[in-house]
């Protein structure tokens, strides 16, 4: 009796990495309308499949709302309906080692979360959210960056430089608020400022890779790069970090 050889077992297809898109989704926010294009381009051009879920900032207030995701992206669109929800999502990503990107309003709230949670600056505020506060960490910019494009100089050896592949880049903004005070305190507590504009104003913040696998925030908006068919290197890097996180979780699980 002869037996047909058993066909080789099919290699299971890994599940897509899960991406939390934290923000109050609106068709009037250009960054939000770009996200589907970017996800398609990441899958087709880069082979990076992401299963993305929108998390409104009010829902992000729930403890652990983003804990099971492989990456968290706090998107533009501030003032958010819930400042507390945006800050909670950022804190979870920072403390749990979940790959994180914050852009525009996400950058501003990243600094706010770090100042309050890590530096003990519990009274600092965002002028857009609390215009009557006494101590602004994030204040109106002297010159609005809405519709502005400018050069960013990047610190050598930083995560930002490794992602961008250059020490200078020209980026697009849609922003009226930026960091105004306490930056030395944030530096002293471990946050790195690794990108500045022509006037030396902070435009990129990150955590060292020894402390966090991928934690990056930009005042500029990489989602506005080009026409959306070629994802910006920052967006690609977040996607790669998400896929790596998912792969590591599947092995350890």
C-alpha atoms as a PDB file:
ATOM      1  CA  UNK A   1       0.000   0.000   0.000  1.00  0.00           C
ATOM      2  CA  UNK A   2       1.298   3.375  -0.864  1.00  0.00           C
ATOM      3  CA  UNK A   3       0.450   6.615   0.800  1.00  0.00           C
ATOM      4  CA  UNK A   4       0.374  10.027  -0.783  1.00  0.00           C
ATOM      5  CA  UNK A   5       2.747  12.391   0.921  1.00  0.00           C
ATOM      6  CA  UNK A   6       1.099  14.739   3.352  1.00  0.00           C
ATOM      7  CA  UNK A   7       1.072  18.281   2.000  1.00  0.00           C
ATOM      8  CA  UNK A   8       3.116  20.730   4.026  1.00  0.00           C
ATOM      9  CA  UNK A   9       1.197  22.606   6.657  1.00  0.00           C
ATOM     10  CA  UNK A  10       0.207  26.058   5.545  1.00  0.00           C
ATOM     11  CA  UNK A  11       2.035  28.840   7.265  1.00  0.00           C
ATOM     12  CA  UNK A  12      -0.536  30.850   9.190  1.00  0.00           C
ATOM     13  CA  UNK A  13      -0.918  34.409   8.011  1.00  0.00           C
ATOM     14  CA  UNK A  14      -0.080  36.761  10.851  1.00  0.00           C
ATOM     15  CA  UNK A  15      -2.897  39.003  11.991  1.00  0.00           C
ATOM     16  CA  UNK A  16      -2.498  42.661  11.057  1.00  0.00           C
ATOM     17  CA  UNK A  17      -1.042  44.921  13.705  1.00  0.00           C
ATOM     18  CA  UNK A  18      -3.733  46.884  15.539  1.00  0.00           C
ATOM     19  CA  UNK A  19      -3.452  50.665  15.409  1.00  0.00           C
ATOM     20  CA  UNK A  20      -5.408  53.009  17.680  1.00  0.00           C
ATOM     21  CA  UNK A  21      -6.186  56.311  15.977  1.00  0.00           C
ATOM     22  CA  UNK A  22      -6.975  58.620  18.875  1.00  0.00           C
ATOM     23  CA  UNK A  23      -8.888  61.753  17.909  1.00  0.00           C
ATOM     24  CA  UNK A  24     -12.341  63.134  17.283  1.00  0.00           C
ATOM     25  CA  UNK A  25     -12.796  62.075  13.684  1.00  0.00           C
ATOM     26  CA  UNK A  26     -14.123  64.775  11.373  1.00  0.00           C
ATOM     27  CA  UNK A  27     -14.353  65.108   7.583  1.00  0.00           C
ATOM     28  CA  UNK A  28     -13.304  68.753   7.981  1.00  0.00           C
ATOM     29  CA  UNK A  29      -9.883  67.775   9.372  1.00  0.00           C
ATOM     30  CA  UNK A  30      -7.590  67.083   6.407  1.00  0.00           C
ATOM     31  CA  UNK A  31      -5.320  64.857   8.489  1.00  0.00           C
ATOM     32  CA  UNK A  32      -8.258  62.580   9.243  1.00  0.00           C
ATOM     33  CA  UNK A  33      -9.282  62.267   5.605  1.00  0.00           C
ATOM     34  CA  UNK A  34      -5.719  61.267   4.723  1.00  0.00           C
ATOM     35  CA  UNK A  35      -5.651  58.277   7.074  1.00  0.00           C
ATOM     36  CA  UNK A  36      -7.477  55.777   4.770  1.00  0.00           C
ATOM     37  CA  UNK A  37      -5.132  56.709   1.915  1.00  0.00           C
ATOM     38  CA  UNK A  38      -2.102  56.217   4.125  1.00  0.00           C
ATOM     39  CA  UNK A  39      -3.312  52.847   5.393  1.00  0.00           C
ATOM     40  CA  UNK A  40      -3.900  51.629   1.838  1.00  0.00           C
ATOM     41  CA  UNK A  41      -0.474  52.859   0.745  1.00  0.00           C
ATOM     42  CA  UNK A  42       1.244  51.251   3.720  1.00  0.00           C
ATOM     43  CA  UNK A  43      -0.328  47.906   2.829  1.00  0.00           C
ATOM     44  CA  UNK A  44       0.180  48.009  -0.939  1.00  0.00           C
ATOM     45  CA  UNK A  45       3.493  49.848  -1.220  1.00  0.00           C
ATOM     46  CA  UNK A  46       5.251  48.841   1.997  1.00  0.00           C
ATOM     47  CA  UNK A  47       3.625  45.500   2.851  1.00  0.00           C
ATOM     48  CA  UNK A  48       2.650  46.834   6.283  1.00  0.00           C
ATOM     49  CA  UNK A  49      -0.887  45.717   7.099  1.00  0.00           C
ATOM     50  CA  UNK A  50      -2.546  47.659   9.902  1.00  0.00           C
ATOM     51  CA  UNK A  51      -5.976  47.090  11.395  1.00  0.00           C
ATOM     52  CA  UNK A  52      -6.905  50.637  12.427  1.00  0.00           C
ATOM     53  CA  UNK A  53      -9.601  51.686  14.879  1.00  0.00           C
ATOM     54  CA  UNK A  54     -10.713  55.228  15.635  1.00  0.00           C
ATOM     55  CA  UNK A  55     -10.886  55.947  19.369  1.00  0.00           C
ATOM     56  CA  UNK A  56     -12.724  59.192  20.184  1.00  0.00           C
ATOM     57  CA  UNK A  57     -10.974  61.097  22.950  1.00  0.00           C
ATOM     58  CA  UNK A  58     -13.971  60.664  25.244  1.00  0.00           C
ATOM     59  CA  UNK A  59     -13.713  56.873  24.853  1.00  0.00           C
ATOM     60  CA  UNK A  60      -9.965  57.040  25.482  1.00  0.00           C
ATOM     61  CA  UNK A  61     -10.701  58.111  29.049  1.00  0.00           C
ATOM     62  CA  UNK A  62     -11.694  54.522  29.863  1.00  0.00           C
ATOM     63  CA  UNK A  63      -8.774  52.828  31.679  1.00  0.00           C
ATOM     64  CA  UNK A  64      -6.859  50.566  29.303  1.00  0.00           C
ATOM     65  CA  UNK A  65      -8.703  51.842  26.228  1.00  0.00           C
ATOM     66  CA  UNK A  66      -5.578  51.530  24.054  1.00  0.00           C
ATOM     67  CA  UNK A  67      -3.683  48.900  26.025  1.00  0.00           C
ATOM     68  CA  UNK A  68      -4.318  45.999  23.635  1.00  0.00           C
ATOM     69  CA  UNK A  69      -3.149  47.879  20.536  1.00  0.00           C
ATOM     70  CA  UNK A  70       0.191  47.517  18.787  1.00  0.00           C
ATOM     71  CA  UNK A  71       0.558  51.259  18.201  1.00  0.00           C
ATOM     72  CA  UNK A  72      -1.151  54.491  19.197  1.00  0.00           C
ATOM     73  CA  UNK A  73      -1.358  57.587  17.007  1.00  0.00           C
ATOM     74  CA  UNK A  74      -2.803  60.735  18.590  1.00  0.00           C
ATOM     75  CA  UNK A  75      -3.900  62.736  15.577  1.00  0.00           C
ATOM     76  CA  UNK A  76      -4.489  66.447  14.946  1.00  0.00           C
ATOM     77  CA  UNK A  77      -7.903  67.984  15.442  1.00  0.00           C
ATOM     78  CA  UNK A  78      -7.604  69.792  18.758  1.00  0.00           C
ATOM     79  CA  UNK A  79      -9.167  71.131  20.847  1.00  0.00           C
ATOM     80  CA  UNK A  80     -10.142  67.557  21.622  1.00  0.00           C
ATOM     81  CA  UNK A  81     -13.519  66.843  23.143  1.00  0.00           C
ATOM     82  CA  UNK A  82     -11.654  65.247  26.039  1.00  0.00           C
ATOM     83  CA  UNK A  83      -8.207  66.474  27.023  1.00  0.00           C
ATOM     84  CA  UNK A  84      -8.185  63.800  29.721  1.00  0.00           C
ATOM     85  CA  UNK A  85      -8.791  61.060  27.149  1.00  0.00           C
ATOM     86  CA  UNK A  86      -5.953  62.214  24.899  1.00  0.00           C
ATOM     87  CA  UNK A  87      -3.593  62.371  27.875  1.00  0.00           C
ATOM     88  CA  UNK A  88      -4.691  58.925  29.095  1.00  0.00           C
ATOM     89  CA  UNK A  89      -3.934  57.350  25.708  1.00  0.00           C
ATOM     90  CA  UNK A  90      -0.496  58.961  25.609  1.00  0.00           C
ATOM     91  CA  UNK A  91       0.302  57.866  29.142  1.00  0.00           C
ATOM     92  CA  UNK A  92      -0.712  54.262  28.464  1.00  0.00           C
ATOM     93  CA  UNK A  93       1.465  54.115  25.349  1.00  0.00           C
ATOM     94  CA  UNK A  94       4.399  55.675  27.199  1.00  0.00           C
ATOM     95  CA  UNK A  95       4.188  53.505  30.303  1.00  0.00           C
ATOM     96  CA  UNK A  96       3.354  50.226  28.532  1.00  0.00           C
ATOM     97  CA  UNK A  97       5.974  50.528  25.775  1.00  0.00           C
ATOM     98  CA  UNK A  98       3.400  50.685  22.966  1.00  0.00           C
ATOM     99  CA  UNK A  99       4.761  52.351  19.802  1.00  0.00           C
ATOM    100  CA  UNK A 100       3.485  55.904  19.785  1.00  0.00           C
ATOM    101  CA  UNK A 101       3.183  58.866  17.441  1.00  0.00           C
ATOM    102  CA  UNK A 102       1.665  62.242  18.248  1.00  0.00           C
ATOM    103  CA  UNK A 103       1.282  64.853  15.500  1.00  0.00           C
ATOM    104  CA  UNK A 104       0.284  68.527  15.792  1.00  0.00           C
ATOM    105  CA  UNK A 105      -2.251  68.470  18.648  1.00  0.00           C
ATOM    106  CA  UNK A 106      -0.865  65.043  19.542  1.00  0.00           C
ATOM    107  CA  UNK A 107       2.604  66.605  19.935  1.00  0.00           C
ATOM    108  CA  UNK A 108       1.236  69.355  22.171  1.00  0.00           C
ATOM    109  CA  UNK A 109      -0.584  66.889  24.400  1.00  0.00           C
ATOM    110  CA  UNK A 110       2.446  64.595  24.546  1.00  0.00           C
ATOM    111  CA  UNK A 111       4.410  67.400  26.177  1.00  0.00           C
ATOM    112  CA  UNK A 112       1.469  68.186  28.460  1.00  0.00           C
ATOM    113  CA  UNK A 113       1.168  64.553  29.605  1.00  0.00           C
ATOM    114  CA  UNK A 114       4.890  64.287  30.258  1.00  0.00           C
ATOM    115  CA  UNK A 115       4.997  67.562  32.180  1.00  0.00           C
ATOM    116  CA  UNK A 116       2.118  66.558  34.439  1.00  0.00           C
ATOM    117  CA  UNK A 117       2.774  62.839  34.884  1.00  0.00           C
ATOM    118  CA  UNK A 118       6.583  62.662  34.886  1.00  0.00           C
ATOM    119  CA  UNK A 119       7.799  66.137  35.865  1.00  0.00           C
ATOM    120  CA  UNK A 120       5.173  66.855  38.513  1.00  0.00           C
ATOM    121  CA  UNK A 121       4.079  70.076  36.787  1.00  0.00           C
ATOM    122  CA  UNK A 122       0.441  69.386  37.539  1.00  0.00           C
ATOM    123  CA  UNK A 123      -0.664  72.989  37.062  1.00  0.00           C
ATOM    124  CA  UNK A 124       0.571  73.521  33.506  1.00  0.00           C
ATOM    125  CA  UNK A 125      -2.034  73.999  30.832  1.00  0.00           C
ATOM    126  CA  UNK A 126      -2.718  74.184  27.115  1.00  0.00           C
ATOM    127  CA  UNK A 127      -3.908  77.694  26.241  1.00  0.00           C
ATOM    128  CA  UNK A 128      -6.356  76.353  23.658  1.00  0.00           C
ATOM    129  CA  UNK A 129      -8.028  74.142  26.273  1.00  0.00           C
ATOM    130  CA  UNK A 130      -7.758  76.417  29.318  1.00  0.00           C
ATOM    131  CA  UNK A 131      -7.215  80.037  28.277  1.00  0.00           C
ATOM    132  CA  UNK A 132      -7.693  81.287  31.838  1.00  0.00           C
ATOM    133  CA  UNK A 133      -4.853  79.229  33.316  1.00  0.00           C
ATOM    134  CA  UNK A 134      -1.864  80.834  35.034  1.00  0.00           C
ATOM    135  CA  UNK A 135       0.911  78.613  33.638  1.00  0.00           C
ATOM    136  CA  UNK A 136       0.950  77.702  29.951  1.00  0.00           C
ATOM    137  CA  UNK A 137       3.128  74.855  28.731  1.00  0.00           C
ATOM    138  CA  UNK A 138       1.485  75.182  25.306  1.00  0.00           C
ATOM    139  CA  UNK A 139       0.773  78.761  24.212  1.00  0.00           C
ATOM    140  CA  UNK A 140      -0.290  80.617  21.066  1.00  0.00           C
ATOM    141  CA  UNK A 141       2.586  80.849  18.601  1.00  0.00           C
ATOM    142  CA  UNK A 142       3.949  84.297  17.818  1.00  0.00           C
ATOM    143  CA  UNK A 143       3.354  83.453  14.161  1.00  0.00           C
ATOM    144  CA  UNK A 144       0.613  80.973  13.250  1.00  0.00           C
ATOM    145  CA  UNK A 145       1.848  77.904  11.413  1.00  0.00           C
ATOM    146  CA  UNK A 146      -1.495  77.253   9.712  1.00  0.00           C
ATOM    147  CA  UNK A 147      -0.648  76.400   6.106  1.00  0.00           C
ATOM    148  CA  UNK A 148       3.049  76.992   6.770  1.00  0.00           C
ATOM    149  CA  UNK A 149       5.959  74.903   5.500  1.00  0.00           C
ATOM    150  CA  UNK A 150       9.378  75.119   7.094  1.00  0.00           C
ATOM    151  CA  UNK A 151      12.772  73.517   7.594  1.00  0.00           C
ATOM    152  CA  UNK A 152      13.364  71.315  10.631  1.00  0.00           C
ATOM    153  CA  UNK A 153      16.921  70.588  11.793  1.00  0.00           C
ATOM    154  CA  UNK A 154      17.242  67.138  13.359  1.00  0.00           C
ATOM    155  CA  UNK A 155      19.620  66.022  16.114  1.00  0.00           C
ATOM    156  CA  UNK A 156      22.232  63.495  15.044  1.00  0.00           C
ATOM    157  CA  UNK A 157      21.869  60.014  16.505  1.00  0.00           C
ATOM    158  CA  UNK A 158      18.221  60.541  17.416  1.00  0.00           C
ATOM    159  CA  UNK A 159      15.242  58.352  16.637  1.00  0.00           C
ATOM    160  CA  UNK A 160      13.970  61.176  14.439  1.00  0.00           C
ATOM    161  CA  UNK A 161      17.159  61.205  12.389  1.00  0.00           C
ATOM    162  CA  UNK A 162      17.104  57.435  11.953  1.00  0.00           C
ATOM    163  CA  UNK A 163      13.479  57.620  10.781  1.00  0.00           C
ATOM    164  CA  UNK A 164      13.954  60.579   8.445  1.00  0.00           C
ATOM    165  CA  UNK A 165      17.361  59.494   7.158  1.00  0.00           C
ATOM    166  CA  UNK A 166      18.580  63.097   7.186  1.00  0.00           C
ATOM    167  CA  UNK A 167      19.544  65.912   9.525  1.00  0.00           C
ATOM    168  CA  UNK A 168      17.240  68.416   7.805  1.00  0.00           C
ATOM    169  CA  UNK A 169      13.742  68.138   6.434  1.00  0.00           C
ATOM    170  CA  UNK A 170      11.043  70.455   5.102  1.00  0.00           C
ATOM    171  CA  UNK A 171       7.659  69.810   6.680  1.00  0.00           C
ATOM    172  CA  UNK A 172       4.088  71.087   6.646  1.00  0.00           C
ATOM    173  CA  UNK A 173       2.134  72.480   9.600  1.00  0.00           C
ATOM    174  CA  UNK A 174      -1.437  73.410  10.432  1.00  0.00           C
ATOM    175  CA  UNK A 175      -0.992  74.757  13.924  1.00  0.00           C
ATOM    176  CA  UNK A 176      -1.401  77.847  16.099  1.00  0.00           C
ATOM    177  CA  UNK A 177       0.006  76.552  19.406  1.00  0.00           C
ATOM    178  CA  UNK A 178       3.417  75.326  20.526  1.00  0.00           C
ATOM    179  CA  UNK A 179       5.627  74.716  23.563  1.00  0.00           C
ATOM    180  CA  UNK A 180       6.296  77.871  25.542  1.00  0.00           C
ATOM    181  CA  UNK A 181       7.812  77.055  28.955  1.00  0.00           C
ATOM    182  CA  UNK A 182       9.351  74.392  31.215  1.00  0.00           C
ATOM    183  CA  UNK A 183      11.274  72.740  28.388  1.00  0.00           C
ATOM    184  CA  UNK A 184      14.423  72.441  30.493  1.00  0.00           C
ATOM    185  CA  UNK A 185      12.421  70.633  33.162  1.00  0.00           C
ATOM    186  CA  UNK A 186      11.095  68.195  30.567  1.00  0.00           C
ATOM    187  CA  UNK A 187      14.653  67.643  29.315  1.00  0.00           C
ATOM    188  CA  UNK A 188      15.919  67.058  32.841  1.00  0.00           C
ATOM    189  CA  UNK A 189      13.295  64.330  33.263  1.00  0.00           C
ATOM    190  CA  UNK A 190      14.327  62.466  30.109  1.00  0.00           C
ATOM    191  CA  UNK A 191      12.290  63.843  27.218  1.00  0.00           C
ATOM    192  CA  UNK A 192      14.496  64.634  24.227  1.00  0.00           C
ATOM    193  CA  UNK A 193      13.865  67.537  21.865  1.00  0.00           C
ATOM    194  CA  UNK A 194      15.422  66.421  18.614  1.00  0.00           C
ATOM    195  CA  UNK A 195      14.049  68.777  15.978  1.00  0.00           C
ATOM    196  CA  UNK A 196      13.946  72.570  15.807  1.00  0.00           C
ATOM    197  CA  UNK A 197      12.833  75.151  13.275  1.00  0.00           C
ATOM    198  CA  UNK A 198      14.870  77.987  11.785  1.00  0.00           C
ATOM    199  CA  UNK A 199      14.429  80.003  14.996  1.00  0.00           C
ATOM    200  CA  UNK A 200      15.436  77.147  17.295  1.00  0.00           C
ATOM    201  CA  UNK A 201      11.874  76.423  18.401  1.00  0.00           C
ATOM    202  CA  UNK A 202      11.105  72.811  19.348  1.00  0.00           C
ATOM    203  CA  UNK A 203       9.323  70.822  16.638  1.00  0.00           C
ATOM    204  CA  UNK A 204      10.142  67.157  17.494  1.00  0.00           C
ATOM    205  CA  UNK A 205      10.160  65.328  20.830  1.00  0.00           C
ATOM    206  CA  UNK A 206      11.011  61.724  21.597  1.00  0.00           C
ATOM    207  CA  UNK A 207      12.051  59.248  24.268  1.00  0.00           C
ATOM    208  CA  UNK A 208      15.392  57.433  23.997  1.00  0.00           C
ATOM    209  CA  UNK A 209      15.032  53.991  22.425  1.00  0.00           C
ATOM    210  CA  UNK A 210      16.662  52.525  25.538  1.00  0.00           C
ATOM    211  CA  UNK A 211      13.554  53.623  27.445  1.00  0.00           C
ATOM    212  CA  UNK A 212      10.836  53.045  24.852  1.00  0.00           C
ATOM    213  CA  UNK A 213      10.786  51.088  21.549  1.00  0.00           C
ATOM    214  CA  UNK A 214       9.197  53.942  19.572  1.00  0.00           C
ATOM    215  CA  UNK A 215       7.934  57.191  21.096  1.00  0.00           C
ATOM    216  CA  UNK A 216       7.901  60.184  18.765  1.00  0.00           C
ATOM    217  CA  UNK A 217       5.921  63.408  18.519  1.00  0.00           C
ATOM    218  CA  UNK A 218       6.055  66.144  15.869  1.00  0.00           C
ATOM    219  CA  UNK A 219       4.439  69.564  15.731  1.00  0.00           C
ATOM    220  CA  UNK A 220       4.488  69.219  11.954  1.00  0.00           C
ATOM    221  CA  UNK A 221       2.027  66.912  10.239  1.00  0.00           C
ATOM    222  CA  UNK A 222       3.608  64.002   8.330  1.00  0.00           C
ATOM    223  CA  UNK A 223       0.137  62.886   7.284  1.00  0.00           C
ATOM    224  CA  UNK A 224      -0.022  65.949   4.992  1.00  0.00           C
ATOM    225  CA  UNK A 225       3.052  64.862   3.040  1.00  0.00           C
ATOM    226  CA  UNK A 226       2.498  64.680  -0.727  1.00  0.00           C
ATOM    227  CA  UNK A 227      -0.874  63.420  -1.897  1.00  0.00           C
ATOM    228  CA  UNK A 228      -1.085  60.521   0.562  1.00  0.00           C
ATOM    229  CA  UNK A 229       0.015  57.868  -1.916  1.00  0.00           C
ATOM    230  CA  UNK A 230       3.556  57.716  -0.485  1.00  0.00           C
ATOM    231  CA  UNK A 231       3.482  57.659   3.316  1.00  0.00           C
ATOM    232  CA  UNK A 232       5.912  59.968   5.064  1.00  0.00           C
ATOM    233  CA  UNK A 233       8.915  58.190   6.674  1.00  0.00           C
ATOM    234  CA  UNK A 234       7.521  58.994  10.133  1.00  0.00           C
ATOM    235  CA  UNK A 235       4.248  57.231   9.308  1.00  0.00           C
ATOM    236  CA  UNK A 236       6.121  54.288   7.799  1.00  0.00           C
ATOM    237  CA  UNK A 237       8.255  54.030  10.943  1.00  0.00           C
ATOM    238  CA  UNK A 238       5.195  53.909  13.186  1.00  0.00           C
ATOM    239  CA  UNK A 239       3.717  51.159  11.003  1.00  0.00           C
ATOM    240  CA  UNK A 240       6.948  49.128  11.155  1.00  0.00           C
ATOM    241  CA  UNK A 241       7.060  49.531  14.928  1.00  0.00           C
ATOM    242  CA  UNK A 242       3.438  48.374  15.180  1.00  0.00           C
ATOM    243  CA  UNK A 243       4.126  45.281  13.083  1.00  0.00           C
ATOM    244  CA  UNK A 244       7.203  44.475  15.193  1.00  0.00           C
ATOM    245  CA  UNK A 245       5.161  44.907  18.382  1.00  0.00           C
ATOM    246  CA  UNK A 246       2.463  42.572  17.075  1.00  0.00           C
ATOM    247  CA  UNK A 247       5.048  39.965  16.075  1.00  0.00           C
ATOM    248  CA  UNK A 248       6.719  40.099  19.476  1.00  0.00           C
ATOM    249  CA  UNK A 249       3.358  39.783  21.214  1.00  0.00           C
ATOM    250  CA  UNK A 250       2.420  36.726  19.150  1.00  0.00           C
ATOM    251  CA  UNK A 251       5.697  34.996  20.083  1.00  0.00           C
ATOM    252  CA  UNK A 252       5.444  35.809  23.771  1.00  0.00           C
ATOM    253  CA  UNK A 253       1.751  34.926  23.803  1.00  0.00           C
END
